[in-house]
PDB file of all heavy atoms in Angstrom:
ATOM      1  N   GLU A   1     117.195 -27.188 147.660  1.00  0.00           N
ATOM      2  CA  GLU A   1     118.179 -28.249 147.411  1.00  0.00           C
ATOM      3  C   GLU A   1     119.246 -27.827 146.418  1.00  0.00           C
ATOM      4  O   GLU A   1     120.403 -28.197 146.555  1.00  0.00           O
ATOM      5  CB  GLU A   1     117.476 -29.520 146.921  1.00  0.00           C
ATOM      6  CG  GLU A   1     116.645 -30.209 147.985  1.00  0.00           C
ATOM      7  CD  GLU A   1     117.453 -30.627 149.197  1.00  0.00           C
ATOM      8  OE1 GLU A   1     118.535 -31.231 149.025  1.00  0.00           O
ATOM      9  OE2 GLU A   1     117.012 -30.332 150.319  1.00  0.00           O
ATOM     10  N   GLN A   2     118.878 -27.045 145.420  1.00  0.00           N
ATOM     11  CA  GLN A   2     119.845 -26.679 144.388  1.00  0.00           C
ATOM     12  C   GLN A   2     120.949 -25.769 144.917  1.00  0.00           C
ATOM     13  O   GLN A   2     122.023 -25.700 144.344  1.00  0.00           O
ATOM     14  CB  GLN A   2     119.153 -26.061 143.177  1.00  0.00           C
ATOM     15  CG  GLN A   2     118.586 -24.678 143.386  1.00  0.00           C
ATOM     16  CD  GLN A   2     117.871 -24.162 142.159  1.00  0.00           C
ATOM     17  OE1 GLN A   2     117.777 -24.843 141.145  1.00  0.00           O
ATOM     18  NE2 GLN A   2     117.344 -22.955 142.244  1.00  0.00           N
ATOM     19  N   TYR A   3     120.707 -25.067 146.026  1.00  0.00           N
ATOM     20  CA  TYR A   3     121.711 -24.166 146.572  1.00  0.00           C
ATOM     21  C   TYR A   3     122.680 -24.842 147.544  1.00  0.00           C
ATOM     22  O   TYR A   3     123.721 -24.282 147.866  1.00  0.00           O
ATOM     23  CB  TYR A   3     121.047 -22.998 147.308  1.00  0.00           C
ATOM     24  CG  TYR A   3     120.303 -22.061 146.413  1.00  0.00           C
ATOM     25  CD1 TYR A   3     118.918 -22.004 146.431  1.00  0.00           C
ATOM     26  CD2 TYR A   3     120.971 -21.213 145.539  1.00  0.00           C
ATOM     27  CE1 TYR A   3     118.218 -21.134 145.616  1.00  0.00           C
ATOM     28  CE2 TYR A   3     120.294 -20.340 144.715  1.00  0.00           C
ATOM     29  CZ  TYR A   3     118.912 -20.304 144.765  1.00  0.00           C
ATOM     30  OH  TYR A   3     118.227 -19.450 143.946  1.00  0.00           O
ATOM     31  N   LYS A   4     122.321 -26.030 148.017  1.00  0.00           N
ATOM     32  CA  LYS A   4     123.163 -26.707 149.011  1.00  0.00           C
ATOM     33  C   LYS A   4     124.549 -26.980 148.455  1.00  0.00           C
ATOM     34  O   LYS A   4     124.710 -27.445 147.334  1.00  0.00           O
ATOM     35  CB  LYS A   4     122.516 -28.016 149.465  1.00  0.00           C
ATOM     36  CG  LYS A   4     121.381 -27.798 150.423  1.00  0.00           C
ATOM     37  CD  LYS A   4     120.895 -29.096 151.007  1.00  0.00           C
ATOM     38  CE  LYS A   4     119.786 -28.810 152.011  1.00  0.00           C
ATOM     39  NZ  LYS A   4     119.210 -30.034 152.521  1.00  0.00           N
ATOM     40  N   GLY A   5     125.546 -26.677 149.258  1.00  0.00           N
ATOM     41  CA  GLY A   5     126.911 -26.982 148.893  1.00  0.00           C
ATOM     42  C   GLY A   5     127.574 -25.988 147.958  1.00  0.00           C
ATOM     43  O   GLY A   5     128.691 -26.225 147.516  1.00  0.00           O
ATOM     44  N   ILE A   6     126.919 -24.879 147.653  1.00  0.00           N
ATOM     45  CA  ILE A   6     127.544 -23.873 146.796  1.00  0.00           C
ATOM     46  C   ILE A   6     128.251 -22.861 147.700  1.00  0.00           C
ATOM     47  O   ILE A   6     127.614 -22.192 148.516  1.00  0.00           O
ATOM     48  CB  ILE A   6     126.528 -23.162 145.883  1.00  0.00           C
ATOM     49  CG1 ILE A   6     125.829 -24.175 144.975  1.00  0.00           C
ATOM     50  CG2 ILE A   6     127.225 -22.080 145.062  1.00  0.00           C
ATOM     51  CD1 ILE A   6     124.753 -23.581 144.101  1.00  0.00           C
ATOM     52  N   LYS A   7     129.543 -22.784 147.542  1.00  0.00           N
ATOM     53  CA  LYS A   7     130.347 -21.874 148.344  1.00  0.00           C
ATOM     54  C   LYS A   7     129.903 -20.428 148.093  1.00  0.00           C
ATOM     55  O   LYS A   7     129.700 -20.016 146.955  1.00  0.00           O
ATOM     56  CB  LYS A   7     131.822 -22.047 147.978  1.00  0.00           C
ATOM     57  CG  LYS A   7     132.757 -21.270 148.853  1.00  0.00           C
ATOM     58  CD  LYS A   7     134.200 -21.539 148.492  1.00  0.00           C
ATOM     59  CE  LYS A   7     135.102 -20.669 149.340  1.00  0.00           C
ATOM     60  NZ  LYS A   7     136.458 -20.666 148.859  1.00  0.00           N
ATOM     61  N   GLY A   8     129.725 -19.682 149.195  1.00  0.00           N
ATOM     62  CA  GLY A   8     129.339 -18.280 149.093  1.00  0.00           C
ATOM     63  C   GLY A   8     127.838 -18.051 149.048  1.00  0.00           C
ATOM     64  O   GLY A   8     127.401 -16.914 148.930  1.00  0.00           O
ATOM     65  N   VAL A   9     127.042 -19.128 149.158  1.00  0.00           N
ATOM     66  CA  VAL A   9     125.580 -19.012 149.136  1.00  0.00           C
ATOM     67  C   VAL A   9     125.018 -19.522 150.453  1.00  0.00           C
ATOM     68  O   VAL A   9     125.317 -20.634 150.880  1.00  0.00           O
ATOM     69  CB  VAL A   9     124.950 -19.828 147.979  1.00  0.00           C
ATOM     70  CG1 VAL A   9     123.423 -19.747 148.032  1.00  0.00           C
ATOM     71  CG2 VAL A   9     125.467 -19.353 146.638  1.00  0.00           C
ATOM     72  N   GLU A  10     124.228 -18.688 151.104  1.00  0.00           N
ATOM     73  CA  GLU A  10     123.458 -19.115 152.271  1.00  0.00           C
ATOM     74  C   GLU A  10     121.996 -19.038 151.853  1.00  0.00           C
ATOM     75  O   GLU A  10     121.557 -18.016 151.314  1.00  0.00           O
ATOM     76  CB  GLU A  10     123.699 -18.186 153.459  1.00  0.00           C
ATOM     77  CG  GLU A  10     125.102 -18.229 154.006  1.00  0.00           C
ATOM     78  CD  GLU A  10     125.297 -17.210 155.120  1.00  0.00           C
ATOM     79  OE1 GLU A  10     124.347 -16.959 155.888  1.00  0.00           O
ATOM     80  OE2 GLU A  10     126.403 -16.652 155.191  1.00  0.00           O
ATOM     81  N   HIS A  11     121.244 -20.106 152.105  1.00  0.00           N
ATOM     82  CA  HIS A  11     119.857 -20.157 151.659  1.00  0.00           C
ATOM     83  C   HIS A  11     119.001 -20.795 152.733  1.00  0.00           C
ATOM     84  O   HIS A  11     119.387 -21.806 153.321  1.00  0.00           O
ATOM     85  CB  HIS A  11     119.743 -20.974 150.363  1.00  0.00           C
ATOM     86  CG  HIS A  11     118.354 -21.025 149.822  1.00  0.00           C
ATOM     87  ND1 HIS A  11     117.481 -22.041 150.123  1.00  0.00           N
ATOM     88  CD2 HIS A  11     117.674 -20.174 149.022  1.00  0.00           C
ATOM     89  CE1 HIS A  11     116.332 -21.816 149.512  1.00  0.00           C
ATOM     90  NE2 HIS A  11     116.420 -20.691 148.845  1.00  0.00           N
ATOM     91  N   SER A  12     117.843 -20.196 152.977  1.00  0.00           N
ATOM     92  CA  SER A  12     116.901 -20.798 153.918  1.00  0.00           C
ATOM     93  C   SER A  12     115.478 -20.481 153.477  1.00  0.00           C
ATOM     94  O   SER A  12     115.224 -19.453 152.844  1.00  0.00           O
ATOM     95  CB  SER A  12     117.126 -20.267 155.341  1.00  0.00           C
ATOM     96  OG  SER A  12     116.824 -18.888 155.410  1.00  0.00           O
ATOM     97  N   ILE A  13     114.574 -21.409 153.804  1.00  0.00           N
ATOM     98  CA  ILE A  13     113.145 -21.186 153.585  1.00  0.00           C
ATOM     99  C   ILE A  13     112.436 -21.565 154.873  1.00  0.00           C
ATOM    100  O   ILE A  13     112.635 -22.656 155.404  1.00  0.00           O
ATOM    101  CB  ILE A  13     112.575 -22.033 152.429  1.00  0.00           C
ATOM    102  CG1 ILE A  13     113.271 -21.716 151.113  1.00  0.00           C
ATOM    103  CG2 ILE A  13     111.065 -21.784 152.292  1.00  0.00           C
ATOM    104  CD1 ILE A  13     112.788 -22.551 149.938  1.00  0.00           C
ATOM    105  N   ASP A  14     111.625 -20.636 155.370  1.00  0.00           N
ATOM    106  CA  ASP A  14     110.826 -20.874 156.565  1.00  0.00           C
ATOM    107  C   ASP A  14     109.370 -20.916 156.121  1.00  0.00           C
ATOM    108  O   ASP A  14     108.849 -19.920 155.599  1.00  0.00           O
ATOM    109  CB  ASP A  14     111.053 -19.756 157.581  1.00  0.00           C
ATOM    110  CG  ASP A  14     110.219 -19.921 158.831  1.00  0.00           C
ATOM    111  OD1 ASP A  14     109.995 -21.074 159.261  1.00  0.00           O
ATOM    112  OD2 ASP A  14     109.773 -18.890 159.384  1.00  0.00           O
ATOM    113  N   PHE A  15     108.735 -22.069 156.299  1.00  0.00           N
ATOM    114  CA  PHE A  15     107.340 -22.230 155.905  1.00  0.00           C
ATOM    115  C   PHE A  15     106.447 -21.940 157.101  1.00  0.00           C
ATOM    116  O   PHE A  15     106.474 -22.662 158.088  1.00  0.00           O
ATOM    117  CB  PHE A  15     107.083 -23.650 155.388  1.00  0.00           C
ATOM    118  CG  PHE A  15     107.815 -23.961 154.119  1.00  0.00           C
ATOM    119  CD1 PHE A  15     109.048 -24.605 154.150  1.00  0.00           C
ATOM    120  CD2 PHE A  15     107.288 -23.607 152.892  1.00  0.00           C
ATOM    121  CE1 PHE A  15     109.733 -24.890 152.981  1.00  0.00           C
ATOM    122  CE2 PHE A  15     107.962 -23.881 151.716  1.00  0.00           C
ATOM    123  CZ  PHE A  15     109.190 -24.522 151.766  1.00  0.00           C
ATOM    124  N   GLY A  16     105.657 -20.870 157.019  1.00  0.00           N
ATOM    125  CA  GLY A  16     104.688 -20.552 158.053  1.00  0.00           C
ATOM    126  C   GLY A  16     103.318 -21.059 157.652  1.00  0.00           C
ATOM    127  O   GLY A  16     103.156 -21.702 156.609  1.00  0.00           O
ATOM    128  N   ASP A  17     102.334 -20.776 158.470  1.00  0.00           N
ATOM    129  CA  ASP A  17     100.974 -21.234 158.190  1.00  0.00           C
ATOM    130  C   ASP A  17     100.366 -20.542 156.972  1.00  0.00           C
ATOM    131  O   ASP A  17      99.638 -21.168 156.200  1.00  0.00           O
ATOM    132  CB  ASP A  17     100.067 -21.026 159.409  1.00  0.00           C
ATOM    133  CG  ASP A  17     100.434 -21.943 160.555  1.00  0.00           C
ATOM    134  OD1 ASP A  17     101.018 -23.021 160.311  1.00  0.00           O
ATOM    135  OD2 ASP A  17     100.140 -21.573 161.716  1.00  0.00           O
ATOM    136  N   ASP A  18     100.655 -19.238 156.791  1.00  0.00           N
ATOM    137  CA  ASP A  18     100.045 -18.453 155.720  1.00  0.00           C
ATOM    138  C   ASP A  18     101.012 -17.968 154.654  1.00  0.00           C
ATOM    139  O   ASP A  18     100.590 -17.493 153.604  1.00  0.00           O
ATOM    140  CB  ASP A  18      99.337 -17.226 156.308  1.00  0.00           C
ATOM    141  CG  ASP A  18      98.246 -17.609 157.284  1.00  0.00           C
ATOM    142  OD1 ASP A  18      97.503 -18.569 157.001  1.00  0.00           O
ATOM    143  OD2 ASP A  18      98.143 -16.944 158.340  1.00  0.00           O
ATOM    144  N   GLU A  19     102.321 -18.047 154.949  1.00  0.00           N
ATOM    145  CA  GLU A  19     103.312 -17.544 154.011  1.00  0.00           C
ATOM    146  C   GLU A  19     104.649 -18.223 154.248  1.00  0.00           C
ATOM    147  O   GLU A  19     104.884 -18.815 155.293  1.00  0.00           O
ATOM    148  CB  GLU A  19     103.467 -16.023 154.133  1.00  0.00           C
ATOM    149  CG  GLU A  19     103.992 -15.567 155.484  1.00  0.00           C
ATOM    150  CD  GLU A  19     103.959 -14.059 155.681  1.00  0.00           C
ATOM    151  OE1 GLU A  19     103.166 -13.372 155.000  1.00  0.00           O
ATOM    152  OE2 GLU A  19     104.721 -13.569 156.527  1.00  0.00           O
ATOM    153  N   LEU A  20     105.494 -18.129 153.241  1.00  0.00           N
ATOM    154  CA  LEU A  20     106.857 -18.627 153.401  1.00  0.00           C
ATOM    155  C   LEU A  20     107.801 -17.451 153.296  1.00  0.00           C
ATOM    156  O   LEU A  20     107.495 -16.440 152.656  1.00  0.00           O
ATOM    157  CB  LEU A  20     107.191 -19.693 152.346  1.00  0.00           C
ATOM    158  CG  LEU A  20     107.310 -19.287 150.872  1.00  0.00           C
ATOM    159  CD1 LEU A  20     108.708 -18.768 150.548  1.00  0.00           C
ATOM    160  CD2 LEU A  20     107.007 -20.473 149.989  1.00  0.00           C
ATOM    161  N   THR A  21     108.940 -17.583 153.950  1.00  0.00           N
ATOM    162  CA  THR A  21     109.983 -16.564 153.874  1.00  0.00           C
ATOM    163  C   THR A  21     111.251 -17.252 153.410  1.00  0.00           C
ATOM    164  O   THR A  21     111.726 -18.194 154.041  1.00  0.00           O
ATOM    165  CB  THR A  21     110.213 -15.887 155.242  1.00  0.00           C
ATOM    166  OG1 THR A  21     108.979 -15.303 155.673  1.00  0.00           O
ATOM    167  CG2 THR A  21     111.283 -14.819 155.145  1.00  0.00           C
ATOM    168  N   GLU A  22     111.756 -16.784 152.286  1.00  0.00           N
ATOM    169  CA  GLU A  22     112.994 -17.321 151.727  1.00  0.00           C
ATOM    170  C   GLU A  22     114.059 -16.237 151.833  1.00  0.00           C
ATOM    171  O   GLU A  22     113.807 -15.082 151.521  1.00  0.00           O
ATOM    172  CB  GLU A  22     112.805 -17.696 150.262  1.00  0.00           C
ATOM    173  CG  GLU A  22     114.104 -18.182 149.626  1.00  0.00           C
ATOM    174  CD  GLU A  22     114.011 -18.344 148.130  1.00  0.00           C
ATOM    175  OE1 GLU A  22     113.433 -17.464 147.462  1.00  0.00           O
ATOM    176  OE2 GLU A  22     114.531 -19.356 147.639  1.00  0.00           O
ATOM    177  N   THR A  23     115.250 -16.632 152.271  1.00  0.00           N
ATOM    178  CA  THR A  23     116.371 -15.712 152.339  1.00  0.00           C
ATOM    179  C   THR A  23     117.553 -16.338 151.623  1.00  0.00           C
ATOM    180  O   THR A  23     117.914 -17.488 151.891  1.00  0.00           O
ATOM    181  CB  THR A  23     116.741 -15.399 153.807  1.00  0.00           C
ATOM    182  OG1 THR A  23     115.582 -14.905 154.482  1.00  0.00           O
ATOM    183  CG2 THR A  23     117.850 -14.361 153.879  1.00  0.00           C
ATOM    184  N   VAL A  24     118.133 -15.583 150.684  1.00  0.00           N
ATOM    185  CA  VAL A  24     119.317 -16.028 149.942  1.00  0.00           C
ATOM    186  C   VAL A  24     120.372 -14.939 150.100  1.00  0.00           C
ATOM    187  O   VAL A  24     120.115 -13.781 149.781  1.00  0.00           O
ATOM    188  CB  VAL A  24     119.024 -16.227 148.440  1.00  0.00           C
ATOM    189  CG1 VAL A  24     120.278 -16.703 147.707  1.00  0.00           C
ATOM    190  CG2 VAL A  24     117.874 -17.186 148.219  1.00  0.00           C
ATOM    191  N   THR A  25     121.546 -15.317 150.606  1.00  0.00           N
ATOM    192  CA  THR A  25     122.648 -14.375 150.730  1.00  0.00           C
ATOM    193  C   THR A  25     123.807 -14.862 149.871  1.00  0.00           C
ATOM    194  O   THR A  25     124.205 -16.027 149.963  1.00  0.00           O
ATOM    195  CB  THR A  25     123.095 -14.230 152.197  1.00  0.00           C
ATOM    196  OG1 THR A  25     121.995 -13.737 152.964  1.00  0.00           O
ATOM    197  CG2 THR A  25     124.263 -13.261 152.326  1.00  0.00           C
ATOM    198  N   LEU A  26     124.301 -13.960 149.028  1.00  0.00           N
ATOM    199  CA  LEU A  26     125.455 -14.246 148.181  1.00  0.00           C
ATOM    200  C   LEU A  26     126.614 -13.389 148.665  1.00  0.00           C
ATOM    201  O   LEU A  26     126.499 -12.163 148.715  1.00  0.00           O
ATOM    202  CB  LEU A  26     125.159 -13.898 146.718  1.00  0.00           C
ATOM    203  CG  LEU A  26     123.911 -14.515 146.089  1.00  0.00           C
ATOM    204  CD1 LEU A  26     123.726 -13.993 144.669  1.00  0.00           C
ATOM    205  CD2 LEU A  26     123.990 -16.016 146.095  1.00  0.00           C
ATOM    206  N   THR A  27     127.726 -14.035 149.032  1.00  0.00           N
ATOM    207  CA  THR A  27     128.944 -13.326 149.421  1.00  0.00           C
ATOM    208  C   THR A  27     129.903 -13.458 148.254  1.00  0.00           C
ATOM    209  O   THR A  27     130.450 -14.541 148.000  1.00  0.00           O
ATOM    210  CB  THR A  27     129.536 -13.924 150.714  1.00  0.00           C
ATOM    211  OG1 THR A  27     128.536 -13.864 151.734  1.00  0.00           O
ATOM    212  CG2 THR A  27     130.777 -13.150 151.154  1.00  0.00           C
ATOM    213  N   TYR A  28     130.080 -12.368 147.524  1.00  0.00           N
ATOM    214  CA  TYR A  28     130.770 -12.434 146.239  1.00  0.00           C
ATOM    215  C   TYR A  28     132.233 -12.851 146.321  1.00  0.00           C
ATOM    216  O   TYR A  28     132.731 -13.519 145.416  1.00  0.00           O
ATOM    217  CB  TYR A  28     130.585 -11.117 145.472  1.00  0.00           C
ATOM    218  CG  TYR A  28     129.245 -11.132 144.791  1.00  0.00           C
ATOM    219  CD1 TYR A  28     128.091 -10.818 145.492  1.00  0.00           C
ATOM    220  CD2 TYR A  28     129.119 -11.547 143.483  1.00  0.00           C
ATOM    221  CE1 TYR A  28     126.855 -10.896 144.882  1.00  0.00           C
ATOM    222  CE2 TYR A  28     127.892 -11.619 142.867  1.00  0.00           C
ATOM    223  CZ  TYR A  28     126.761 -11.294 143.578  1.00  0.00           C
ATOM    224  OH  TYR A  28     125.536 -11.390 142.976  1.00  0.00           O
ATOM    225  N   ALA A  29     132.938 -12.502 147.374  1.00  0.00           N
ATOM    226  CA  ALA A  29     134.351 -12.890 147.483  1.00  0.00           C
ATOM    227  C   ALA A  29     134.498 -14.410 147.572  1.00  0.00           C
ATOM    228  O   ALA A  29     135.491 -14.970 147.116  1.00  0.00           O
ATOM    229  CB  ALA A  29     134.993 -12.236 148.697  1.00  0.00           C
ATOM    230  N   ASP A  30     133.505 -15.080 148.135  1.00  0.00           N
ATOM    231  CA  ASP A  30     133.561 -16.529 148.341  1.00  0.00           C
ATOM    232  C   ASP A  30     132.780 -17.327 147.303  1.00  0.00           C
ATOM    233  O   ASP A  30     132.882 -18.548 147.255  1.00  0.00           O
ATOM    234  CB  ASP A  30     132.980 -16.882 149.726  1.00  0.00           C
ATOM    235  CG  ASP A  30     133.722 -16.198 150.849  1.00  0.00           C
ATOM    236  OD1 ASP A  30     134.930 -15.925 150.691  1.00  0.00           O
ATOM    237  OD2 ASP A  30     133.090 -15.919 151.885  1.00  0.00           O
ATOM    238  N   LEU A  31     131.984 -16.663 146.495  1.00  0.00           N
ATOM    239  CA  LEU A  31     130.996 -17.315 145.644  1.00  0.00           C
ATOM    240  C   LEU A  31     131.605 -18.182 144.545  1.00  0.00           C
ATOM    241  O   LEU A  31     132.474 -17.743 143.801  1.00  0.00           O
ATOM    242  CB  LEU A  31     130.104 -16.247 145.013  1.00  0.00           C
ATOM    243  CG  LEU A  31     128.863 -16.707 144.272  1.00  0.00           C
ATOM    244  CD1 LEU A  31     127.950 -17.526 145.172  1.00  0.00           C
ATOM    245  CD2 LEU A  31     128.110 -15.502 143.741  1.00  0.00           C
ATOM    246  N   ASP A  32     131.114 -19.412 144.456  1.00  0.00           N
ATOM    247  CA  ASP A  32     131.473 -20.313 143.363  1.00  0.00           C
ATOM    248  C   ASP A  32     130.500 -20.015 142.220  1.00  0.00           C
ATOM    249  O   ASP A  32     129.433 -20.624 142.112  1.00  0.00           O
ATOM    250  CB  ASP A  32     131.370 -21.770 143.811  1.00  0.00           C
ATOM    251  CG  ASP A  32     131.798 -22.758 142.741  1.00  0.00           C
ATOM    252  OD1 ASP A  32     131.811 -22.396 141.540  1.00  0.00           O
ATOM    253  OD2 ASP A  32     132.101 -23.912 143.106  1.00  0.00           O
ATOM    254  N   LEU A  33     130.864 -19.054 141.378  1.00  0.00           N
ATOM    255  CA  LEU A  33     129.973 -18.578 140.312  1.00  0.00           C
ATOM    256  C   LEU A  33     129.653 -19.661 139.286  1.00  0.00           C
ATOM    257  O   LEU A  33     128.530 -19.731 138.794  1.00  0.00           O
ATOM    258  CB  LEU A  33     130.584 -17.369 139.616  1.00  0.00           C
ATOM    259  CG  LEU A  33     130.586 -16.087 140.432  1.00  0.00           C
ATOM    260  CD1 LEU A  33     131.483 -15.040 139.785  1.00  0.00           C
ATOM    261  CD2 LEU A  33     129.179 -15.546 140.562  1.00  0.00           C
ATOM    262  N   GLU A  34     130.624 -20.481 138.966  1.00  0.00           N
ATOM    263  CA  GLU A  34     130.380 -21.531 137.974  1.00  0.00           C
ATOM    264  C   GLU A  34     129.350 -22.541 138.481  1.00  0.00           C
ATOM    265  O   GLU A  34     128.448 -22.931 137.745  1.00  0.00           O
ATOM    266  CB  GLU A  34     131.683 -22.224 137.593  1.00  0.00           C
ATOM    267  CG  GLU A  34     132.591 -21.332 136.771  1.00  0.00           C
ATOM    268  CD  GLU A  34     133.871 -22.018 136.337  1.00  0.00           C
ATOM    269  OE1 GLU A  34     133.842 -23.234 136.061  1.00  0.00           O
ATOM    270  OE2 GLU A  34     134.896 -21.332 136.280  1.00  0.00           O
ATOM    271  N   LYS A  35     129.466 -22.940 139.741  1.00  0.00           N
ATOM    272  CA  LYS A  35     128.508 -23.902 140.288  1.00  0.00           C
ATOM    273  C   LYS A  35     127.119 -23.272 140.425  1.00  0.00           C
ATOM    274  O   LYS A  35     126.119 -23.904 140.115  1.00  0.00           O
ATOM    275  CB  LYS A  35     128.995 -24.431 141.644  1.00  0.00           C
ATOM    276  CG  LYS A  35     128.178 -25.587 142.146  1.00  0.00           C
ATOM    277  CD  LYS A  35     128.836 -26.289 143.308  1.00  0.00           C
ATOM    278  CE  LYS A  35     128.015 -27.495 143.708  1.00  0.00           C
ATOM    279  NZ  LYS A  35     128.592 -28.165 144.870  1.00  0.00           N
ATOM    280  N   LEU A  36     127.083 -22.015 140.857  1.00  0.00           N
ATOM    281  CA  LEU A  36     125.802 -21.322 140.959  1.00  0.00           C
ATOM    282  C   LEU A  36     125.145 -21.222 139.587  1.00  0.00           C
ATOM    283  O   LEU A  36     123.957 -21.502 139.431  1.00  0.00           O
ATOM    284  CB  LEU A  36     125.992 -19.932 141.565  1.00  0.00           C
ATOM    285  CG  LEU A  36     124.729 -19.092 141.725  1.00  0.00           C
ATOM    286  CD1 LEU A  36     123.742 -19.759 142.671  1.00  0.00           C
ATOM    287  CD2 LEU A  36     125.085 -17.697 142.213  1.00  0.00           C
ATOM    288  N   ALA A  37     125.919 -20.857 138.585  1.00  0.00           N
ATOM    289  CA  ALA A  37     125.383 -20.744 137.222  1.00  0.00           C
ATOM    290  C   ALA A  37     124.899 -22.090 136.712  1.00  0.00           C
ATOM    291  O   ALA A  37     123.877 -22.172 136.024  1.00  0.00           O
ATOM    292  CB  ALA A  37     126.444 -20.174 136.288  1.00  0.00           C
ATOM    293  N   SER A  38     125.593 -23.161 137.064  1.00  0.00           N
ATOM    294  CA  SER A  38     125.196 -24.476 136.560  1.00  0.00           C
ATOM    295  C   SER A  38     123.848 -24.931 137.118  1.00  0.00           C
ATOM    296  O   SER A  38     123.098 -25.602 136.431  1.00  0.00           O
ATOM    297  CB  SER A  38     126.276 -25.525 136.845  1.00  0.00           C
ATOM    298  OG  SER A  38     126.288 -25.873 138.215  1.00  0.00           O
ATOM    299  N   VAL A  39     123.515 -24.538 138.345  1.00  0.00           N
ATOM    300  CA  VAL A  39     122.231 -24.969 138.908  1.00  0.00           C
ATOM    301  C   VAL A  39     121.093 -24.012 138.597  1.00  0.00           C
ATOM    302  O   VAL A  39     119.931 -24.391 138.690  1.00  0.00           O
ATOM    303  CB  VAL A  39     122.299 -25.212 140.434  1.00  0.00           C
ATOM    304  CG1 VAL A  39     123.285 -26.295 140.770  1.00  0.00           C
ATOM    305  CG2 VAL A  39     122.577 -23.953 141.192  1.00  0.00           C
ATOM    306  N   THR A  40     121.414 -22.776 138.219  1.00  0.00           N
ATOM    307  CA  THR A  40     120.356 -21.803 137.951  1.00  0.00           C
ATOM    308  C   THR A  40     120.173 -21.512 136.471  1.00  0.00           C
ATOM    309  O   THR A  40     119.243 -20.812 136.102  1.00  0.00           O
ATOM    310  CB  THR A  40     120.658 -20.470 138.664  1.00  0.00           C
ATOM    311  OG1 THR A  40     121.876 -19.945 138.142  1.00  0.00           O
ATOM    312  CG2 THR A  40     120.744 -20.649 140.162  1.00  0.00           C
TER     313      THR A  40
END
């Protein structure tokens, strides 16, 4: 939830039966660094 709406951030979590897979992609040219810093 904290990553939603932050420009330049793609985030997903896939919950499997035994493990979860999280993927976070940051595209620096598009990244809203101030908003990302505020949530993290």
